C-alpha cells in the first residue's frame, strides 16, 4: 500500500510517519484484502490537532475519517478507530450481502469542478449566466453494481454517488429527503 503522510503547516517526524504506517496498515490489512493507497493529512485548528485519513481500496470503496484531539498521536489514533469501524462495517456488508469481487473495480477518469456560489443579493442581476469555475480537479468514477454503489455511498456518508453500472452507462444513487435511496438510470435507445 502506498502512503502519503503530510502536514499542513506542521512538521511530521519520522516517528509519527512510522506509527501511521504501522497502525493504519494493520487496520486496513485486517479488513481489506487489496488496499491501494492511503492519504493522511495532519493540520492544526486552534489548539487541536486534526487528522484526516482517506484509504482507497481496489473494490472501489473510498473510506474517509477525520478526528480532532489535543495531541497529534491521539488525533491519529481516534481517526484510525473511525477508519477501522468503517472498514469493519464494509467487510460485514460484503460478507453478508454481496459476492466477492474477483477483479479490482474499473475506474473511469473524469473532471470535477467547483463553481462559485451565487453570492449576489436578489435585487442585482448577474452579469452572465455562465457559472464561474473556482477549482478543477481530477476524480474517478467506479464501475459498480447498484448494491455496491449504495453501500459505498452509505459508508462514505455521501449524499450522492455517480458510478458506471454493468451496462457501462453512468448512473446516480442519492439519499432522498424521506430517508430512502434514489437511483437514476438513463434510458438507452435501441
C-alpha atoms as a PDB file:
ATOM      1  CA  UNK A   1       0.000   0.000   0.000  1.00  0.00           C
ATOM      2  CA  UNK A   2       1.267   3.461  -0.869  1.00  0.00           C
ATOM      3  CA  UNK A   3       1.210   6.059   1.913  1.00  0.00           C
ATOM      4  CA  UNK A   4       1.174   9.819   1.577  1.00  0.00           C
ATOM      5  CA  UNK A   5       1.564  11.378   5.013  1.00  0.00           C
ATOM      6  CA  UNK A   6       1.677  15.162   5.060  1.00  0.00           C
ATOM      7  CA  UNK A   7       1.183  18.077   7.395  1.00  0.00           C
ATOM      8  CA  UNK A   8      -0.348  21.461   6.734  1.00  0.00           C
ATOM      9  CA  UNK A   9       1.996  23.941   8.414  1.00  0.00           C
ATOM     10  CA  UNK A  10       3.166  21.117  10.714  1.00  0.00           C
ATOM     11  CA  UNK A  11       6.389  19.141  10.549  1.00  0.00           C
ATOM     12  CA  UNK A  12       5.670  15.426  10.504  1.00  0.00           C
ATOM     13  CA  UNK A  13       8.555  13.485  12.015  1.00  0.00           C
ATOM     14  CA  UNK A  14       9.772  10.031  11.065  1.00  0.00           C
ATOM     15  CA  UNK A  15       8.393   8.516  14.294  1.00  0.00           C
ATOM     16  CA  UNK A  16       4.856   9.722  13.534  1.00  0.00           C
ATOM     17  CA  UNK A  17       5.111   8.502   9.932  1.00  0.00           C
ATOM     18  CA  UNK A  18       6.218   5.059  11.123  1.00  0.00           C
ATOM     19  CA  UNK A  19       3.383   4.980  13.681  1.00  0.00           C
ATOM     20  CA  UNK A  20       0.830   5.908  10.996  1.00  0.00           C
ATOM     21  CA  UNK A  21       2.116   3.283   8.557  1.00  0.00           C
ATOM     22  CA  UNK A  22       2.153   0.523  11.199  1.00  0.00           C
ATOM     23  CA  UNK A  23      -1.233   1.257  12.774  1.00  0.00           C
ATOM     24  CA  UNK A  24      -3.170   2.157   9.637  1.00  0.00           C
ATOM     25  CA  UNK A  25      -1.543  -0.702   7.746  1.00  0.00           C
ATOM     26  CA  UNK A  26      -2.623  -3.259  10.347  1.00  0.00           C
ATOM     27  CA  UNK A  27      -6.208  -1.922  10.429  1.00  0.00           C
ATOM     28  CA  UNK A  28      -6.541  -1.887   6.650  1.00  0.00           C
ATOM     29  CA  UNK A  29      -4.964  -5.344   6.212  1.00  0.00           C
ATOM     30  CA  UNK A  30      -7.345  -6.746   8.818  1.00  0.00           C
ATOM     31  CA  UNK A  31     -10.477  -5.679   6.940  1.00  0.00           C
ATOM     32  CA  UNK A  32      -9.426  -5.141   3.310  1.00  0.00           C
ATOM     33  CA  UNK A  33      -7.613  -7.587   1.090  1.00  0.00           C
ATOM     34  CA  UNK A  34      -6.203  -5.239  -1.565  1.00  0.00           C
ATOM     35  CA  UNK A  35      -5.714  -1.669  -0.357  1.00  0.00           C
ATOM     36  CA  UNK A  36      -4.179   0.574  -2.982  1.00  0.00           C
ATOM     37  CA  UNK A  37      -3.194   3.799  -1.244  1.00  0.00           C
ATOM     38  CA  UNK A  38      -3.699   5.901   1.848  1.00  0.00           C
ATOM     39  CA  UNK A  39      -3.545   9.658   2.271  1.00  0.00           C
ATOM     40  CA  UNK A  40      -3.156  11.055   5.807  1.00  0.00           C
ATOM     41  CA  UNK A  41      -3.093  14.814   6.421  1.00  0.00           C
ATOM     42  CA  UNK A  42      -2.349  16.451   9.768  1.00  0.00           C
ATOM     43  CA  UNK A  43      -3.232  20.060  10.479  1.00  0.00           C
ATOM     44  CA  UNK A  44      -3.850  22.335  13.421  1.00  0.00           C
ATOM     45  CA  UNK A  45      -7.128  24.073  14.231  1.00  0.00           C
ATOM     46  CA  UNK A  46      -6.778  26.496  17.129  1.00  0.00           C
ATOM     47  CA  UNK A  47      -5.397  24.368  19.983  1.00  0.00           C
ATOM     48  CA  UNK A  48      -6.403  20.996  18.483  1.00  0.00           C
ATOM     49  CA  UNK A  49      -4.649  18.740  16.025  1.00  0.00           C
ATOM     50  CA  UNK A  50      -6.754  17.453  13.130  1.00  0.00           C
ATOM     51  CA  UNK A  51      -6.101  14.169  11.368  1.00  0.00           C
ATOM     52  CA  UNK A  52      -7.854  13.360   8.070  1.00  0.00           C
ATOM     53  CA  UNK A  53      -7.323   9.923   6.524  1.00  0.00           C
ATOM     54  CA  UNK A  54      -8.504   8.598   3.166  1.00  0.00           C
ATOM     55  CA  UNK A  55      -7.961   4.986   2.108  1.00  0.00           C
ATOM     56  CA  UNK A  56      -8.704   3.752  -1.415  1.00  0.00           C
ATOM     57  CA  UNK A  57      -9.443   0.053  -1.846  1.00  0.00           C
ATOM     58  CA  UNK A  58      -9.316  -1.977  -5.051  1.00  0.00           C
ATOM     59  CA  UNK A  59     -13.039  -2.706  -4.627  1.00  0.00           C
ATOM     60  CA  UNK A  60     -13.761   0.953  -5.386  1.00  0.00           C
ATOM     61  CA  UNK A  61     -14.500   1.976  -1.794  1.00  0.00           C
ATOM     62  CA  UNK A  62     -13.013   5.195  -0.523  1.00  0.00           C
ATOM     63  CA  UNK A  63     -13.075   5.204   3.268  1.00  0.00           C
ATOM     64  CA  UNK A  64     -12.591   8.564   4.986  1.00  0.00           C
ATOM     65  CA  UNK A  65     -12.205   9.512   8.628  1.00  0.00           C
ATOM     66  CA  UNK A  66     -11.450  12.729  10.489  1.00  0.00           C
ATOM     67  CA  UNK A  67     -10.670  13.376  14.157  1.00  0.00           C
ATOM     68  CA  UNK A  68      -9.752  16.314  16.421  1.00  0.00           C
ATOM     69  CA  UNK A  69      -7.671  15.887  19.591  1.00  0.00           C
ATOM     70  CA  UNK A  70      -5.321  17.925  21.783  1.00  0.00           C
ATOM     71  CA  UNK A  71      -2.311  15.756  20.869  1.00  0.00           C
ATOM     72  CA  UNK A  72      -1.240  14.724  17.387  1.00  0.00           C
ATOM     73  CA  UNK A  73      -0.875  10.999  18.170  1.00  0.00           C
ATOM     74  CA  UNK A  74      -4.272  10.958  19.879  1.00  0.00           C
ATOM     75  CA  UNK A  75      -5.808  12.630  16.814  1.00  0.00           C
ATOM     76  CA  UNK A  76      -4.396   9.920  14.571  1.00  0.00           C
ATOM     77  CA  UNK A  77      -5.456   7.105  16.928  1.00  0.00           C
ATOM     78  CA  UNK A  78      -9.020   8.466  17.065  1.00  0.00           C
ATOM     79  CA  UNK A  79      -9.074   8.806  13.271  1.00  0.00           C
ATOM     80  CA  UNK A  80      -7.746   5.258  12.906  1.00  0.00           C
ATOM     81  CA  UNK A  81     -10.541   3.934  15.164  1.00  0.00           C
ATOM     82  CA  UNK A  82     -13.152   5.615  12.955  1.00  0.00           C
ATOM     83  CA  UNK A  83     -11.490   4.145   9.854  1.00  0.00           C
ATOM     84  CA  UNK A  84     -11.498   0.689  11.437  1.00  0.00           C
ATOM     85  CA  UNK A  85     -15.208   0.987  12.226  1.00  0.00           C
ATOM     86  CA  UNK A  86     -15.997   1.944   8.608  1.00  0.00           C
ATOM     87  CA  UNK A  87     -13.921  -0.897   7.180  1.00  0.00           C
ATOM     88  CA  UNK A  88     -15.440  -3.414   9.610  1.00  0.00           C
ATOM     89  CA  UNK A  89     -18.951  -2.384   8.519  1.00  0.00           C
ATOM     90  CA  UNK A  90     -17.926  -2.598   4.883  1.00  0.00           C
ATOM     91  CA  UNK A  91     -16.478  -6.093   5.279  1.00  0.00           C
ATOM     92  CA  UNK A  92     -19.530  -7.280   7.196  1.00  0.00           C
ATOM     93  CA  UNK A  93     -21.845  -5.978   4.470  1.00  0.00           C
ATOM     94  CA  UNK A  94     -19.744  -7.581   1.762  1.00  0.00           C
ATOM     95  CA  UNK A  95     -19.770 -10.891   3.556  1.00  0.00           C
ATOM     96  CA  UNK A  96     -23.490 -10.752   4.320  1.00  0.00           C
ATOM     97  CA  UNK A  97     -24.944  -9.366   1.119  1.00  0.00           C
ATOM     98  CA  UNK A  98     -22.561  -9.425  -1.816  1.00  0.00           C
ATOM     99  CA  UNK A  99     -20.475 -11.914  -3.708  1.00  0.00           C
ATOM    100  CA  UNK A 100     -16.766 -11.304  -3.561  1.00  0.00           C
ATOM    101  CA  UNK A 101     -15.407  -9.362  -6.499  1.00  0.00           C
ATOM    102  CA  UNK A 102     -12.800 -11.383  -8.399  1.00  0.00           C
ATOM    103  CA  UNK A 103     -11.138  -8.399 -10.063  1.00  0.00           C
ATOM    104  CA  UNK A 104     -10.491  -4.803  -8.983  1.00  0.00           C
ATOM    105  CA  UNK A 105     -13.093  -2.169  -9.802  1.00  0.00           C
ATOM    106  CA  UNK A 106     -12.530  -0.356 -13.087  1.00  0.00           C
ATOM    107  CA  UNK A 107     -12.174   3.399 -12.694  1.00  0.00           C
ATOM    108  CA  UNK A 108     -13.082   5.946 -15.350  1.00  0.00           C
ATOM    109  CA  UNK A 109     -11.235   9.274 -15.238  1.00  0.00           C
ATOM    110  CA  UNK A 110     -13.320  12.438 -15.042  1.00  0.00           C
ATOM    111  CA  UNK A 111     -13.002  16.121 -14.212  1.00  0.00           C
ATOM    112  CA  UNK A 112     -14.629  17.618 -11.143  1.00  0.00           C
ATOM    113  CA  UNK A 113     -15.345  21.340 -10.896  1.00  0.00           C
ATOM    114  CA  UNK A 114     -16.194  23.664  -8.038  1.00  0.00           C
ATOM    115  CA  UNK A 115     -18.448  26.502  -9.145  1.00  0.00           C
ATOM    116  CA  UNK A 116     -18.730  29.846  -7.380  1.00  0.00           C
ATOM    117  CA  UNK A 117     -21.911  30.330  -5.367  1.00  0.00           C
ATOM    118  CA  UNK A 118     -24.424  32.990  -6.369  1.00  0.00           C
ATOM    119  CA  UNK A 119     -23.329  35.309  -3.557  1.00  0.00           C
ATOM    120  CA  UNK A 120     -25.206  38.258  -5.063  1.00  0.00           C
ATOM    121  CA  UNK A 121     -28.310  39.677  -3.464  1.00  0.00           C
ATOM    122  CA  UNK A 122     -31.645  39.043  -5.152  1.00  0.00           C
ATOM    123  CA  UNK A 123     -32.048  42.590  -6.461  1.00  0.00           C
ATOM    124  CA  UNK A 124     -28.960  42.665  -8.676  1.00  0.00           C
ATOM    125  CA  UNK A 125     -28.789  40.817 -11.979  1.00  0.00           C
ATOM    126  CA  UNK A 126     -25.788  38.597 -12.670  1.00  0.00           C
ATOM    127  CA  UNK A 127     -23.518  39.826 -15.457  1.00  0.00           C
ATOM    128  CA  UNK A 128     -23.536  36.439 -17.169  1.00  0.00           C
ATOM    129  CA  UNK A 129     -25.448  33.198 -16.877  1.00  0.00           C
ATOM    130  CA  UNK A 130     -22.227  31.188 -17.147  1.00  0.00           C
ATOM    131  CA  UNK A 131     -21.029  29.941 -13.733  1.00  0.00           C
ATOM    132  CA  UNK A 132     -17.533  30.894 -12.647  1.00  0.00           C
ATOM    133  CA  UNK A 133     -15.228  27.904 -12.088  1.00  0.00           C
ATOM    134  CA  UNK A 134     -13.321  28.227  -8.818  1.00  0.00           C
ATOM    135  CA  UNK A 135     -11.356  24.945  -8.942  1.00  0.00           C
ATOM    136  CA  UNK A 136     -10.840  21.988 -11.263  1.00  0.00           C
ATOM    137  CA  UNK A 137      -9.764  18.556 -10.004  1.00  0.00           C
ATOM    138  CA  UNK A 138      -9.413  15.052 -11.362  1.00  0.00           C
ATOM    139  CA  UNK A 139     -11.713  12.370  -9.980  1.00  0.00           C
ATOM    140  CA  UNK A 140     -12.544   8.769 -10.793  1.00  0.00           C
ATOM    141  CA  UNK A 141     -15.895   7.150 -11.470  1.00  0.00           C
ATOM    142  CA  UNK A 142     -16.010   3.483 -10.350  1.00  0.00           C
ATOM    143  CA  UNK A 143     -17.739   0.631 -12.186  1.00  0.00           C
ATOM    144  CA  UNK A 144     -20.063  -0.883  -9.573  1.00  0.00           C
ATOM    145  CA  UNK A 145     -23.327  -2.718  -9.210  1.00  0.00           C
ATOM    146  CA  UNK A 146     -26.222  -0.700  -7.794  1.00  0.00           C
ATOM    147  CA  UNK A 147     -25.907  -2.515  -4.453  1.00  0.00           C
ATOM    148  CA  UNK A 148     -22.190  -1.788  -4.224  1.00  0.00           C
ATOM    149  CA  UNK A 149     -22.804   1.864  -5.102  1.00  0.00           C
ATOM    150  CA  UNK A 150     -25.430   2.234  -2.368  1.00  0.00           C
ATOM    151  CA  UNK A 151     -23.109   0.545   0.128  1.00  0.00           C
ATOM    152  CA  UNK A 152     -20.194   2.812  -0.815  1.00  0.00           C
ATOM    153  CA  UNK A 153     -22.371   5.935  -0.607  1.00  0.00           C
ATOM    154  CA  UNK A 154     -23.653   4.968   2.856  1.00  0.00           C
ATOM    155  CA  UNK A 155     -20.212   4.047   4.194  1.00  0.00           C
ATOM    156  CA  UNK A 156     -18.713   7.290   2.935  1.00  0.00           C
ATOM    157  CA  UNK A 157     -21.617   9.324   4.338  1.00  0.00           C
ATOM    158  CA  UNK A 158     -22.032  10.994   0.947  1.00  0.00           C
ATOM    159  CA  UNK A 159     -25.404  12.377  -0.204  1.00  0.00           C
ATOM    160  CA  UNK A 160     -24.849  11.258  -3.823  1.00  0.00           C
ATOM    161  CA  UNK A 161     -22.636   8.888  -5.813  1.00  0.00           C
ATOM    162  CA  UNK A 162     -22.070   8.788  -9.576  1.00  0.00           C
ATOM    163  CA  UNK A 163     -20.978   5.377 -10.890  1.00  0.00           C
ATOM    164  CA  UNK A 164     -20.781   3.334 -14.050  1.00  0.00           C
ATOM    165  CA  UNK A 165     -23.230   0.430 -13.997  1.00  0.00           C
ATOM    166  CA  UNK A 166     -22.656  -3.016 -15.507  1.00  0.00           C
ATOM    167  CA  UNK A 167     -24.198  -1.838 -18.784  1.00  0.00           C
ATOM    168  CA  UNK A 168     -21.402   0.788 -18.898  1.00  0.00           C
ATOM    169  CA  UNK A 169     -23.848   3.667 -18.594  1.00  0.00           C
ATOM    170  CA  UNK A 170     -23.465   6.390 -15.970  1.00  0.00           C
ATOM    171  CA  UNK A 171     -25.897   6.047 -13.050  1.00  0.00           C
ATOM    172  CA  UNK A 172     -26.529   8.044  -9.888  1.00  0.00           C
ATOM    173  CA  UNK A 173     -27.664   6.932  -6.432  1.00  0.00           C
ATOM    174  CA  UNK A 174     -28.667   9.566  -3.889  1.00  0.00           C
ATOM    175  CA  UNK A 175     -30.270   9.917  -0.472  1.00  0.00           C
ATOM    176  CA  UNK A 176     -33.790  11.311  -0.688  1.00  0.00           C
ATOM    177  CA  UNK A 177     -35.322  13.715   1.838  1.00  0.00           C
ATOM    178  CA  UNK A 178     -37.648  10.930   3.048  1.00  0.00           C
ATOM    179  CA  UNK A 179     -34.611   8.772   4.004  1.00  0.00           C
ATOM    180  CA  UNK A 180     -34.902   6.348   1.077  1.00  0.00           C
ATOM    181  CA  UNK A 181     -32.307   5.873  -1.648  1.00  0.00           C
ATOM    182  CA  UNK A 182     -32.990   7.153  -5.174  1.00  0.00           C
ATOM    183  CA  UNK A 183     -31.426   5.620  -8.290  1.00  0.00           C
ATOM    184  CA  UNK A 184     -31.169   7.380 -11.642  1.00  0.00           C
ATOM    185  CA  UNK A 185     -30.531   5.143 -14.640  1.00  0.00           C
ATOM    186  CA  UNK A 186     -30.638   6.702 -18.120  1.00  0.00           C
ATOM    187  CA  UNK A 187     -32.736   5.025 -20.791  1.00  0.00           C
ATOM    188  CA  UNK A 188     -30.792   3.632 -23.728  1.00  0.00           C
ATOM    189  CA  UNK A 189     -32.260   3.958 -27.200  1.00  0.00           C
ATOM    190  CA  UNK A 190     -32.198   0.778 -29.282  1.00  0.00           C
END
